[in-house]
Amino acid sequence: MTTVDQALSGKGARDENFPVASRLISAKRRPVILAFYRFVRAADDVADNPGLSADQKLTLLDRLESALLGRGDEPSAEPLRRQLAERGLGPKHALDLLSAFRLDATKRRYADLAELTAYCRLSAMPVGRFVLDVHGEAHSLWPASDALCAALQVINHLQDCGDDYRRLDRVYLPLRILGVHGAGVEMLGERCAPPALRDAIVELADYCATLLDQGAALTPRIADARLAAEIGAIHALARRLTEMLRRRDPLRERVALDKAAFLWVGGRGAARALAGRLLRPGPMRRRLAP
C-alpha cells in the first residue's frame, strides 16, 4: 500500500459522533468545511491503518502536507488547497492536525492529562479554530472552542479505547489515571472493563464534563446564528455521550447514540441555542442567512 487513496477507510461525515457541516451551516461555507473534513479524514485513515508501518504512514502524511502547500500532487489534498486559496485562508490548522497524525503514527502511550491535552491542541482544537475562522469569528472565542473540542476528542478516545488498543496498541487513557485506580493497559483487551478500568473511564468522563462546562461559554458568543445552532447541537450531543460513558462499558458495547437519539438530542441543542439568542436583550449581531 503506497498511496493515500489505498489507505482510506471509506468513513464519511455521516459516520462521525457529531455533525460535520450540517444543513445548519450556511451553504456558502459548507464546501470549505467539508473539504477540510475530507482532508483530515484521509490523514486520520493513514495514521490509523494497521497495515502500514510508522515510516509508511509518515511518508504519506508528508505527501499530504506537500500537496496542501502546492508542492506535490495528492488528490486528497487538492480540494482543500483550492478552497483555502479561493477564500484567502491559511493552512495552519490543517498542518497542526497533520502533526497530530504523525504522533498517532509513532506515539502509543500518554503519561498524564498534560500530555493528552498537548495532543488535543494538535488533534482537536485546530478543528474548532478553523470553523471559527471560516465564519470570521473572533479569536477571543478560541479558549471556549478549545475546551469543547478537547472534550469531543477525549469522548472519542473513551468510546474507542478497546479497539485502539487491540488494533493499534495505542492507548490515549493517561497511564497516571489508570495507575491511580489500579488499572493496567492490558485490561483494555478484555471483553468487559474490570472495576478499576471502569473507575478510570468514569474519571475521564468527568473530565470531559468539566471541559464541556468551560465550552458552554462559546455558543452565546457566536455571531453567526447558524454556526451557533450547530455548536449547540454538538454541545448537547457531547453532554449526552459523557453521561452514557459514565454508566456504560465501552469494551462491552459501542457507546453511541442511535440515529433517532442523535437527531432528538442534537435538534434540542440547536433549538436551545437559537432560543437563547432570541431571548437575549438587544439586537442579534447576525441573523440567519441563506
C-alpha atoms as a PDB file:
ATOM      1  CA  MET A   1       0.000   0.000   0.000  1.00  0.00           C
ATOM      2  CA  THR A   2       1.713   3.153  -1.177  1.00  0.00           C
ATOM      3  CA  THR A   3      -0.928   5.815  -1.779  1.00  0.00           C
ATOM      4  CA  VAL A   4      -3.267   7.802   0.431  1.00  0.00           C
ATOM      5  CA  ASP A   5      -6.276   6.611  -1.578  1.00  0.00           C
ATOM      6  CA  GLN A   6      -5.409   2.984  -0.820  1.00  0.00           C
ATOM      7  CA  ALA A   7      -5.353   3.756   2.906  1.00  0.00           C
ATOM      8  CA  LEU A   8      -8.823   5.296   3.038  1.00  0.00           C
ATOM      9  CA  SER A   9     -11.316   3.572   5.319  1.00  0.00           C
ATOM     10  CA  GLY A  10     -14.453   4.653   3.491  1.00  0.00           C
ATOM     11  CA  LYS A  11     -15.765   6.505   6.537  1.00  0.00           C
ATOM     12  CA  GLY A  12     -17.515   9.791   5.895  1.00  0.00           C
ATOM     13  CA  ALA A  13     -19.097  12.704   7.714  1.00  0.00           C
ATOM     14  CA  ARG A  14     -22.235  10.711   8.487  1.00  0.00           C
ATOM     15  CA  ASP A  15     -20.170   8.176  10.437  1.00  0.00           C
ATOM     16  CA  GLU A  16     -18.983  10.748  12.964  1.00  0.00           C
ATOM     17  CA  ASN A  17     -20.284  11.289  16.500  1.00  0.00           C
ATOM     18  CA  PHE A  18     -21.083  14.928  15.811  1.00  0.00           C
ATOM     19  CA  PRO A  19     -22.470  16.967  12.904  1.00  0.00           C
ATOM     20  CA  VAL A  20     -19.949  17.941  10.227  1.00  0.00           C
ATOM     21  CA  ALA A  21     -21.044  20.978   8.201  1.00  0.00           C
ATOM     22  CA  SER A  22     -24.708  20.031   8.556  1.00  0.00           C
ATOM     23  CA  ARG A  23     -27.503  21.939   6.828  1.00  0.00           C
ATOM     24  CA  LEU A  24     -27.473  24.297   9.779  1.00  0.00           C
ATOM     25  CA  ILE A  25     -24.282  25.797   8.353  1.00  0.00           C
ATOM     26  CA  SER A  26     -24.632  28.422   5.639  1.00  0.00           C
ATOM     27  CA  ALA A  27     -24.411  26.896   2.150  1.00  0.00           C
ATOM     28  CA  LYS A  28     -21.598  29.238   1.154  1.00  0.00           C
ATOM     29  CA  ARG A  29     -19.400  27.959   3.998  1.00  0.00           C
ATOM     30  CA  ARG A  30     -20.133  24.252   3.787  1.00  0.00           C
ATOM     31  CA  PRO A  31     -17.782  23.454   0.852  1.00  0.00           C
ATOM     32  CA  VAL A  32     -14.607  24.616   2.609  1.00  0.00           C
ATOM     33  CA  ILE A  33     -15.546  22.876   5.866  1.00  0.00           C
ATOM     34  CA  LEU A  34     -16.297  19.635   4.014  1.00  0.00           C
ATOM     35  CA  ALA A  35     -13.005  19.913   2.095  1.00  0.00           C
ATOM     36  CA  PHE A  36     -11.218  20.363   5.427  1.00  0.00           C
ATOM     37  CA  TYR A  37     -13.036  17.362   6.876  1.00  0.00           C
ATOM     38  CA  ARG A  38     -12.157  15.117   3.912  1.00  0.00           C
ATOM     39  CA  PHE A  39      -8.505  16.118   4.097  1.00  0.00           C
ATOM     40  CA  VAL A  40      -8.439  15.370   7.819  1.00  0.00           C
ATOM     41  CA  ARG A  41     -10.348  12.109   7.301  1.00  0.00           C
ATOM     42  CA  ALA A  42      -7.758  10.972   4.761  1.00  0.00           C
ATOM     43  CA  ALA A  43      -4.877  11.781   7.112  1.00  0.00           C
ATOM     44  CA  ASP A  44      -6.643  10.081  10.010  1.00  0.00           C
ATOM     45  CA  ASP A  45      -7.193   6.949   7.909  1.00  0.00           C
ATOM     46  CA  VAL A  46      -3.494   6.852   7.092  1.00  0.00           C
ATOM     47  CA  ALA A  47      -2.496   7.197  10.755  1.00  0.00           C
ATOM     48  CA  ASP A  48      -4.984   4.533  11.885  1.00  0.00           C
ATOM     49  CA  ASN A  49      -4.243   1.964   9.174  1.00  0.00           C
ATOM     50  CA  PRO A  50      -2.883  -1.170  10.904  1.00  0.00           C
ATOM     51  CA  GLY A  51      -1.409  -2.437   7.644  1.00  0.00           C
ATOM     52  CA  LEU A  52       1.078   0.425   7.364  1.00  0.00           C
ATOM     53  CA  SER A  53       4.361   0.788   9.220  1.00  0.00           C
ATOM     54  CA  ALA A  54       5.128   4.013  11.074  1.00  0.00           C
ATOM     55  CA  ASP A  55       7.552   5.049   8.329  1.00  0.00           C
ATOM     56  CA  GLN A  56       4.954   4.420   5.613  1.00  0.00           C
ATOM     57  CA  LYS A  57       2.407   6.493   7.495  1.00  0.00           C
ATOM     58  CA  LEU A  58       4.840   9.374   7.924  1.00  0.00           C
ATOM     59  CA  THR A  59       5.686   9.274   4.213  1.00  0.00           C
ATOM     60  CA  LEU A  60       2.021   9.516   3.219  1.00  0.00           C
ATOM     61  CA  LEU A  61       1.361  12.296   5.718  1.00  0.00           C
ATOM     62  CA  ASP A  62       4.320  14.196   4.291  1.00  0.00           C
ATOM     63  CA  ARG A  63       2.789  13.802   0.829  1.00  0.00           C
ATOM     64  CA  LEU A  64      -0.472  15.279   2.063  1.00  0.00           C
ATOM     65  CA  GLU A  65       1.378  18.237   3.547  1.00  0.00           C
ATOM     66  CA  SER A  66       3.403  18.861   0.399  1.00  0.00           C
ATOM     67  CA  ALA A  67       0.282  18.758  -1.761  1.00  0.00           C
ATOM     68  CA  LEU A  68      -1.602  21.091   0.576  1.00  0.00           C
ATOM     69  CA  LEU A  69       1.258  23.580   0.273  1.00  0.00           C
ATOM     70  CA  GLY A  70       1.244  23.288  -3.509  1.00  0.00           C
ATOM     71  CA  ARG A  71       4.489  21.317  -3.724  1.00  0.00           C
ATOM     72  CA  GLY A  72       3.077  17.955  -4.772  1.00  0.00           C
ATOM     73  CA  ASP A  73       0.155  16.099  -6.270  1.00  0.00           C
ATOM     74  CA  GLU A  74      -2.172  14.239  -3.903  1.00  0.00           C
ATOM     75  CA  PRO A  75      -5.903  14.035  -4.771  1.00  0.00           C
ATOM     76  CA  SER A  76      -6.975  14.010  -1.118  1.00  0.00           C
ATOM     77  CA  ALA A  77      -5.332  17.403  -0.533  1.00  0.00           C
ATOM     78  CA  GLU A  78      -6.303  19.262  -3.715  1.00  0.00           C
ATOM     79  CA  PRO A  79      -9.895  20.265  -2.791  1.00  0.00           C
ATOM     80  CA  LEU A  80      -8.795  21.836   0.485  1.00  0.00           C
ATOM     81  CA  ARG A  81      -5.786  23.573  -1.110  1.00  0.00           C
ATOM     82  CA  ARG A  82      -8.105  25.091  -3.695  1.00  0.00           C
ATOM     83  CA  GLN A  83     -10.753  26.140  -1.166  1.00  0.00           C
ATOM     84  CA  LEU A  84      -8.193  27.792   1.097  1.00  0.00           C
ATOM     85  CA  ALA A  85      -6.714  29.720  -1.809  1.00  0.00           C
ATOM     86  CA  GLU A  86     -10.117  30.900  -3.018  1.00  0.00           C
ATOM     87  CA  ARG A  87     -11.071  32.167   0.445  1.00  0.00           C
ATOM     88  CA  GLY A  88      -7.727  33.630   1.471  1.00  0.00           C
ATOM     89  CA  LEU A  89      -7.339  31.207   4.390  1.00  0.00           C
ATOM     90  CA  GLY A  90      -4.033  29.766   5.565  1.00  0.00           C
ATOM     91  CA  PRO A  91      -3.139  26.074   6.053  1.00  0.00           C
ATOM     92  CA  LYS A  92      -2.015  26.326   9.701  1.00  0.00           C
ATOM     93  CA  HIS A  93      -4.925  24.445  11.247  1.00  0.00           C
ATOM     94  CA  ALA A  94      -4.627  21.589   8.751  1.00  0.00           C
ATOM     95  CA  LEU A  95      -0.860  21.443   9.316  1.00  0.00           C
ATOM     96  CA  ASP A  96      -1.393  21.227  13.090  1.00  0.00           C
ATOM     97  CA  LEU A  97      -3.686  18.266  12.524  1.00  0.00           C
ATOM     98  CA  LEU A  98      -1.047  16.563  10.384  1.00  0.00           C
ATOM     99  CA  SER A  99       1.326  16.945  13.346  1.00  0.00           C
ATOM    100  CA  ALA A 100      -1.219  15.105  15.495  1.00  0.00           C
ATOM    101  CA  PHE A 101      -1.457  12.283  12.974  1.00  0.00           C
ATOM    102  CA  ARG A 102       2.333  11.994  12.943  1.00  0.00           C
ATOM    103  CA  LEU A 103       2.107  11.487  16.689  1.00  0.00           C
ATOM    104  CA  ASP A 104      -0.519   8.805  16.104  1.00  0.00           C
ATOM    105  CA  ALA A 105       1.936   7.034  13.814  1.00  0.00           C
ATOM    106  CA  THR A 106       4.726   6.985  16.396  1.00  0.00           C
ATOM    107  CA  LYS A 107       3.372   7.516  19.940  1.00  0.00           C
ATOM    108  CA  ARG A 108       1.370   4.789  21.684  1.00  0.00           C
ATOM    109  CA  ARG A 109       1.072   5.936  25.296  1.00  0.00           C
ATOM    110  CA  TYR A 110       0.246   9.162  27.169  1.00  0.00           C
ATOM    111  CA  ALA A 111       1.650   9.627  30.650  1.00  0.00           C
ATOM    112  CA  ASP A 112      -0.855  12.068  32.104  1.00  0.00           C
ATOM    113  CA  LEU A 113      -3.546  14.620  31.330  1.00  0.00           C
ATOM    114  CA  ALA A 114      -0.930  17.229  30.450  1.00  0.00           C
ATOM    115  CA  GLU A 115       0.415  15.008  27.652  1.00  0.00           C
ATOM    116  CA  LEU A 116      -3.092  14.195  26.449  1.00  0.00           C
ATOM    117  CA  THR A 117      -4.045  17.878  26.450  1.00  0.00           C
ATOM    118  CA  ALA A 118      -0.924  18.694  24.419  1.00  0.00           C
ATOM    119  CA  TYR A 119      -2.068  16.098  21.895  1.00  0.00           C
ATOM    120  CA  CYS A 120      -5.567  17.623  21.801  1.00  0.00           C
ATOM    121  CA  ARG A 121      -4.001  21.004  20.985  1.00  0.00           C
ATOM    122  CA  LEU A 122      -2.941  19.439  17.700  1.00  0.00           C
ATOM    123  CA  SER A 123      -5.652  16.845  17.108  1.00  0.00           C
ATOM    124  CA  ALA A 124      -8.864  18.628  18.115  1.00  0.00           C
ATOM    125  CA  MET A 125      -8.519  22.319  18.892  1.00  0.00           C
ATOM    126  CA  PRO A 126      -7.471  23.276  15.317  1.00  0.00           C
ATOM    127  CA  VAL A 127     -10.800  21.931  14.032  1.00  0.00           C
ATOM    128  CA  GLY A 128     -12.838  24.377  16.075  1.00  0.00           C
ATOM    129  CA  ARG A 129     -10.461  27.228  15.322  1.00  0.00           C
ATOM    130  CA  PHE A 130     -10.722  26.532  11.600  1.00  0.00           C
ATOM    131  CA  VAL A 131     -14.515  26.583  11.653  1.00  0.00           C
ATOM    132  CA  LEU A 132     -14.490  29.832  13.613  1.00  0.00           C
ATOM    133  CA  ASP A 133     -12.054  31.368  11.138  1.00  0.00           C
ATOM    134  CA  VAL A 134     -14.218  30.306   8.183  1.00  0.00           C
ATOM    135  CA  HIS A 135     -17.090  32.206   9.789  1.00  0.00           C
ATOM    136  CA  GLY A 136     -14.991  35.251  10.607  1.00  0.00           C
ATOM    137  CA  GLU A 137     -15.488  34.805  14.348  1.00  0.00           C
ATOM    138  CA  ALA A 138     -13.218  36.479  16.898  1.00  0.00           C
ATOM    139  CA  HIS A 139     -10.076  34.726  18.107  1.00  0.00           C
ATOM    140  CA  SER A 140     -11.174  35.567  21.650  1.00  0.00           C
ATOM    141  CA  LEU A 141     -13.568  32.612  21.283  1.00  0.00           C
ATOM    142  CA  TRP A 142     -10.715  30.138  20.863  1.00  0.00           C
ATOM    143  CA  PRO A 143     -10.341  29.165  24.572  1.00  0.00           C
ATOM    144  CA  ALA A 144     -14.001  28.108  24.875  1.00  0.00           C
ATOM    145  CA  SER A 145     -13.803  26.365  21.496  1.00  0.00           C
ATOM    146  CA  ASP A 146     -10.588  24.607  22.561  1.00  0.00           C
ATOM    147  CA  ALA A 147     -12.288  23.228  25.677  1.00  0.00           C
ATOM    148  CA  LEU A 148     -15.251  21.930  23.683  1.00  0.00           C
ATOM    149  CA  CYS A 149     -13.050  20.327  21.029  1.00  0.00           C
ATOM    150  CA  ALA A 150     -10.800  18.687  23.630  1.00  0.00           C
ATOM    151  CA  ALA A 151     -13.904  17.177  25.241  1.00  0.00           C
ATOM    152  CA  LEU A 152     -15.052  15.785  21.890  1.00  0.00           C
ATOM    153  CA  GLN A 153     -11.616  14.234  21.368  1.00  0.00           C
ATOM    154  CA  VAL A 154     -11.478  12.561  24.779  1.00  0.00           C
ATOM    155  CA  ILE A 155     -15.048  11.268  24.351  1.00  0.00           C
ATOM    156  CA  ASN A 156     -13.886   9.632  21.124  1.00  0.00           C
ATOM    157  CA  HIS A 157     -10.867   8.151  22.898  1.00  0.00           C
ATOM    158  CA  LEU A 158     -13.124   6.635  25.562  1.00  0.00           C
ATOM    159  CA  GLN A 159     -15.536   5.205  23.010  1.00  0.00           C
ATOM    160  CA  ASP A 160     -12.705   3.579  21.042  1.00  0.00           C
ATOM    161  CA  CYS A 161     -10.327   2.688  23.879  1.00  0.00           C
ATOM    162  CA  GLY A 162     -10.666  -1.074  23.422  1.00  0.00           C
ATOM    163  CA  ASP A 163     -10.448  -1.008  19.641  1.00  0.00           C
ATOM    164  CA  ASP A 164      -7.460   1.364  19.675  1.00  0.00           C
ATOM    165  CA  TYR A 165      -5.584  -0.993  21.986  1.00  0.00           C
ATOM    166  CA  ARG A 166      -6.440  -4.196  20.158  1.00  0.00           C
ATOM    167  CA  ARG A 167      -5.893  -2.903  16.599  1.00  0.00           C
ATOM    168  CA  LEU A 168      -3.045  -0.435  17.066  1.00  0.00           C
ATOM    169  CA  ASP A 169      -1.632  -0.983  20.584  1.00  0.00           C
ATOM    170  CA  ARG A 170      -2.463   2.684  21.105  1.00  0.00           C
ATOM    171  CA  VAL A 171      -3.668   3.935  24.492  1.00  0.00           C
ATOM    172  CA  TYR A 172      -4.843   7.509  24.965  1.00  0.00           C
ATOM    173  CA  LEU A 173      -6.108   6.953  28.519  1.00  0.00           C
ATOM    174  CA  PRO A 174      -3.382   8.570  30.652  1.00  0.00           C
ATOM    175  CA  LEU A 175      -1.210   5.990  32.411  1.00  0.00           C
ATOM    176  CA  ARG A 176      -1.233   8.039  35.615  1.00  0.00           C
ATOM    177  CA  ILE A 177      -5.023   7.935  35.836  1.00  0.00           C
ATOM    178  CA  LEU A 178      -5.045   4.205  35.104  1.00  0.00           C
ATOM    179  CA  GLY A 179      -2.441   3.670  37.818  1.00  0.00           C
ATOM    180  CA  VAL A 180      -4.318   5.689  40.434  1.00  0.00           C
ATOM    181  CA  HIS A 181      -7.258   3.328  40.017  1.00  0.00           C
ATOM    182  CA  GLY A 182      -5.123   0.180  39.892  1.00  0.00           C
ATOM    183  CA  ALA A 183      -5.834  -0.421  36.210  1.00  0.00           C
ATOM    184  CA  GLY A 184      -3.362  -1.596  33.567  1.00  0.00           C
ATOM    185  CA  VAL A 185      -3.399  -1.120  29.815  1.00  0.00           C
ATOM    186  CA  GLU A 186      -3.816  -4.873  29.305  1.00  0.00           C
ATOM    187  CA  MET A 187      -7.335  -4.547  30.726  1.00  0.00           C
ATOM    188  CA  LEU A 188      -8.300  -2.739  27.510  1.00  0.00           C
ATOM    189  CA  GLY A 189      -8.009  -6.076  25.720  1.00  0.00           C
ATOM    190  CA  GLU A 190     -10.740  -7.712  27.802  1.00  0.00           C
ATOM    191  CA  ARG A 191     -14.350  -8.155  26.675  1.00  0.00           C
ATOM    192  CA  CYS A 192     -15.658  -6.020  29.519  1.00  0.00           C
ATOM    193  CA  ALA A 193     -13.906  -3.459  31.675  1.00  0.00           C
ATOM    194  CA  PRO A 194     -12.869  -4.552  35.186  1.00  0.00           C
ATOM    195  CA  PRO A 195     -13.963  -2.212  38.003  1.00  0.00           C
ATOM    196  CA  ALA A 196     -10.568  -0.496  38.160  1.00  0.00           C
ATOM    197  CA  LEU A 197     -10.709   0.375  34.467  1.00  0.00           C
ATOM    198  CA  ARG A 198     -14.329   1.490  34.736  1.00  0.00           C
ATOM    199  CA  ASP A 199     -13.314   3.879  37.532  1.00  0.00           C
ATOM    200  CA  ALA A 200     -10.600   5.362  35.312  1.00  0.00           C
ATOM    201  CA  ILE A 201     -13.060   5.763  32.429  1.00  0.00           C
ATOM    202  CA  VAL A 202     -15.558   7.492  34.722  1.00  0.00           C
ATOM    203  CA  GLU A 203     -12.858   9.894  35.916  1.00  0.00           C
ATOM    204  CA  LEU A 204     -12.069  10.800  32.319  1.00  0.00           C
ATOM    205  CA  ALA A 205     -15.768  11.207  31.554  1.00  0.00           C
ATOM    206  CA  ASP A 206     -15.952  13.603  34.496  1.00  0.00           C
ATOM    207  CA  TYR A 207     -13.016  15.476  32.983  1.00  0.00           C
ATOM    208  CA  CYS A 208     -14.970  15.750  29.727  1.00  0.00           C
ATOM    209  CA  ALA A 209     -17.904  17.197  31.664  1.00  0.00           C
ATOM    210  CA  THR A 210     -15.596  19.855  33.129  1.00  0.00           C
ATOM    211  CA  LEU A 211     -14.328  20.745  29.657  1.00  0.00           C
ATOM    212  CA  LEU A 212     -17.904  20.966  28.393  1.00  0.00           C
ATOM    213  CA  ASP A 213     -18.724  23.363  31.229  1.00  0.00           C
ATOM    214  CA  GLN A 214     -15.847  25.550  30.045  1.00  0.00           C
ATOM    215  CA  GLY A 215     -17.010  25.242  26.439  1.00  0.00           C
ATOM    216  CA  ALA A 216     -20.562  26.289  27.303  1.00  0.00           C
ATOM    217  CA  ALA A 217     -19.460  29.919  27.040  1.00  0.00           C
ATOM    218  CA  LEU A 218     -18.911  29.515  23.305  1.00  0.00           C
ATOM    219  CA  THR A 219     -22.415  29.301  21.826  1.00  0.00           C
ATOM    220  CA  PRO A 220     -23.829  32.531  23.314  1.00  0.00           C
ATOM    221  CA  ARG A 221     -20.858  34.497  21.978  1.00  0.00           C
ATOM    222  CA  ILE A 222     -21.010  33.252  18.385  1.00  0.00           C
ATOM    223  CA  ALA A 223     -22.026  35.988  15.940  1.00  0.00           C
ATOM    224  CA  ASP A 224     -23.293  33.667  13.194  1.00  0.00           C
ATOM    225  CA  ALA A 225     -26.665  32.214  14.200  1.00  0.00           C
ATOM    226  CA  ARG A 226     -26.335  29.116  12.024  1.00  0.00           C
ATOM    227  CA  LEU A 227     -22.965  28.277  13.495  1.00  0.00           C
ATOM    228  CA  ALA A 228     -24.335  28.857  16.998  1.00  0.00           C
ATOM    229  CA  ALA A 229     -27.089  26.315  16.283  1.00  0.00           C
ATOM    230  CA  GLU A 230     -24.561  23.750  15.023  1.00  0.00           C
ATOM    231  CA  ILE A 231     -22.357  24.209  18.080  1.00  0.00           C
ATOM    232  CA  GLY A 232     -25.412  23.998  20.330  1.00  0.00           C
ATOM    233  CA  ALA A 233     -26.236  20.623  18.766  1.00  0.00           C
ATOM    234  CA  ILE A 234     -22.666  19.390  19.170  1.00  0.00           C
ATOM    235  CA  HIS A 235     -22.518  20.503  22.792  1.00  0.00           C
ATOM    236  CA  ALA A 236     -25.782  18.723  23.620  1.00  0.00           C
ATOM    237  CA  LEU A 237     -24.624  15.503  21.926  1.00  0.00           C
ATOM    238  CA  ALA A 238     -21.340  15.637  23.824  1.00  0.00           C
ATOM    239  CA  ARG A 239     -23.196  16.053  27.126  1.00  0.00           C
ATOM    240  CA  ARG A 240     -25.334  13.009  26.409  1.00  0.00           C
ATOM    241  CA  LEU A 241     -22.367  10.850  25.367  1.00  0.00           C
ATOM    242  CA  THR A 242     -20.482  11.872  28.508  1.00  0.00           C
ATOM    243  CA  GLU A 243     -23.432  10.760  30.641  1.00  0.00           C
ATOM    244  CA  MET A 244     -23.555   7.450  28.756  1.00  0.00           C
ATOM    245  CA  LEU A 245     -19.839   6.823  29.259  1.00  0.00           C
ATOM    246  CA  ARG A 246     -20.279   7.294  33.000  1.00  0.00           C
ATOM    247  CA  ARG A 247     -22.823   4.452  33.043  1.00  0.00           C
ATOM    248  CA  ARG A 248     -21.883   2.094  30.231  1.00  0.00           C
ATOM    249  CA  ASP A 249     -18.860  -0.040  29.376  1.00  0.00           C
ATOM    250  CA  PRO A 250     -17.160   0.857  26.051  1.00  0.00           C
ATOM    251  CA  LEU A 251     -15.402  -2.535  25.993  1.00  0.00           C
ATOM    252  CA  ARG A 252     -18.687  -4.422  26.179  1.00  0.00           C
ATOM    253  CA  GLU A 253     -20.613  -2.257  23.700  1.00  0.00           C
ATOM    254  CA  ARG A 254     -20.325   0.694  21.379  1.00  0.00           C
ATOM    255  CA  VAL A 255     -21.353   3.680  23.488  1.00  0.00           C
ATOM    256  CA  ALA A 256     -23.041   5.847  20.884  1.00  0.00           C
ATOM    257  CA  LEU A 257     -26.362   7.431  20.033  1.00  0.00           C
ATOM    258  CA  ASP A 258     -28.654   5.797  17.521  1.00  0.00           C
ATOM    259  CA  LYS A 259     -29.998   7.915  14.677  1.00  0.00           C
ATOM    260  CA  ALA A 260     -33.231   8.862  16.439  1.00  0.00           C
ATOM    261  CA  ALA A 261     -31.445   9.917  19.631  1.00  0.00           C
ATOM    262  CA  PHE A 262     -28.823  11.783  17.613  1.00  0.00           C
ATOM    263  CA  LEU A 263     -31.499  13.829  15.854  1.00  0.00           C
ATOM    264  CA  TRP A 264     -33.516  14.411  19.032  1.00  0.00           C
ATOM    265  CA  VAL A 265     -30.614  15.426  21.278  1.00  0.00           C
ATOM    266  CA  GLY A 266     -28.855  17.435  18.579  1.00  0.00           C
ATOM    267  CA  GLY A 267     -32.070  19.116  17.466  1.00  0.00           C
ATOM    268  CA  ARG A 268     -32.919  20.168  21.001  1.00  0.00           C
ATOM    269  CA  GLY A 269     -29.406  21.549  21.469  1.00  0.00           C
ATOM    270  CA  ALA A 270     -29.667  23.582  18.278  1.00  0.00           C
ATOM    271  CA  ALA A 271     -33.115  24.865  19.238  1.00  0.00           C
ATOM    272  CA  ARG A 272     -31.915  25.915  22.692  1.00  0.00           C
ATOM    273  CA  ALA A 273     -29.002  27.795  21.131  1.00  0.00           C
ATOM    274  CA  LEU A 274     -31.322  29.704  18.809  1.00  0.00           C
ATOM    275  CA  ALA A 275     -33.902  30.341  21.535  1.00  0.00           C
ATOM    276  CA  GLY A 276     -31.204  31.743  23.770  1.00  0.00           C
ATOM    277  CA  ARG A 277     -30.279  34.242  21.064  1.00  0.00           C
ATOM    278  CA  LEU A 278     -33.875  35.349  20.599  1.00  0.00           C
ATOM    279  CA  LEU A 279     -34.280  35.925  24.317  1.00  0.00           C
ATOM    280  CA  ARG A 280     -31.104  37.987  24.650  1.00  0.00           C
ATOM    281  CA  PRO A 281     -31.624  41.701  25.204  1.00  0.00           C
ATOM    282  CA  GLY A 282     -30.655  43.881  22.260  1.00  0.00           C
ATOM    283  CA  PRO A 283     -30.439  43.050  18.562  1.00  0.00           C
ATOM    284  CA  MET A 284     -28.662  39.931  17.357  1.00  0.00           C
ATOM    285  CA  ARG A 285     -25.415  40.781  15.594  1.00  0.00           C
ATOM    286  CA  ARG A 286     -26.145  38.444  12.710  1.00  0.00           C
ATOM    287  CA  ARG A 287     -29.394  36.785  11.808  1.00  0.00           C
ATOM    288  CA  LEU A 288     -29.883  33.556   9.944  1.00  0.00           C
ATOM    289  CA  ALA A 289     -28.528  33.849   6.411  1.00  0.00           C
ATOM    290  CA  PRO A 290     -29.079  31.517   3.478  1.00  0.00           C
END
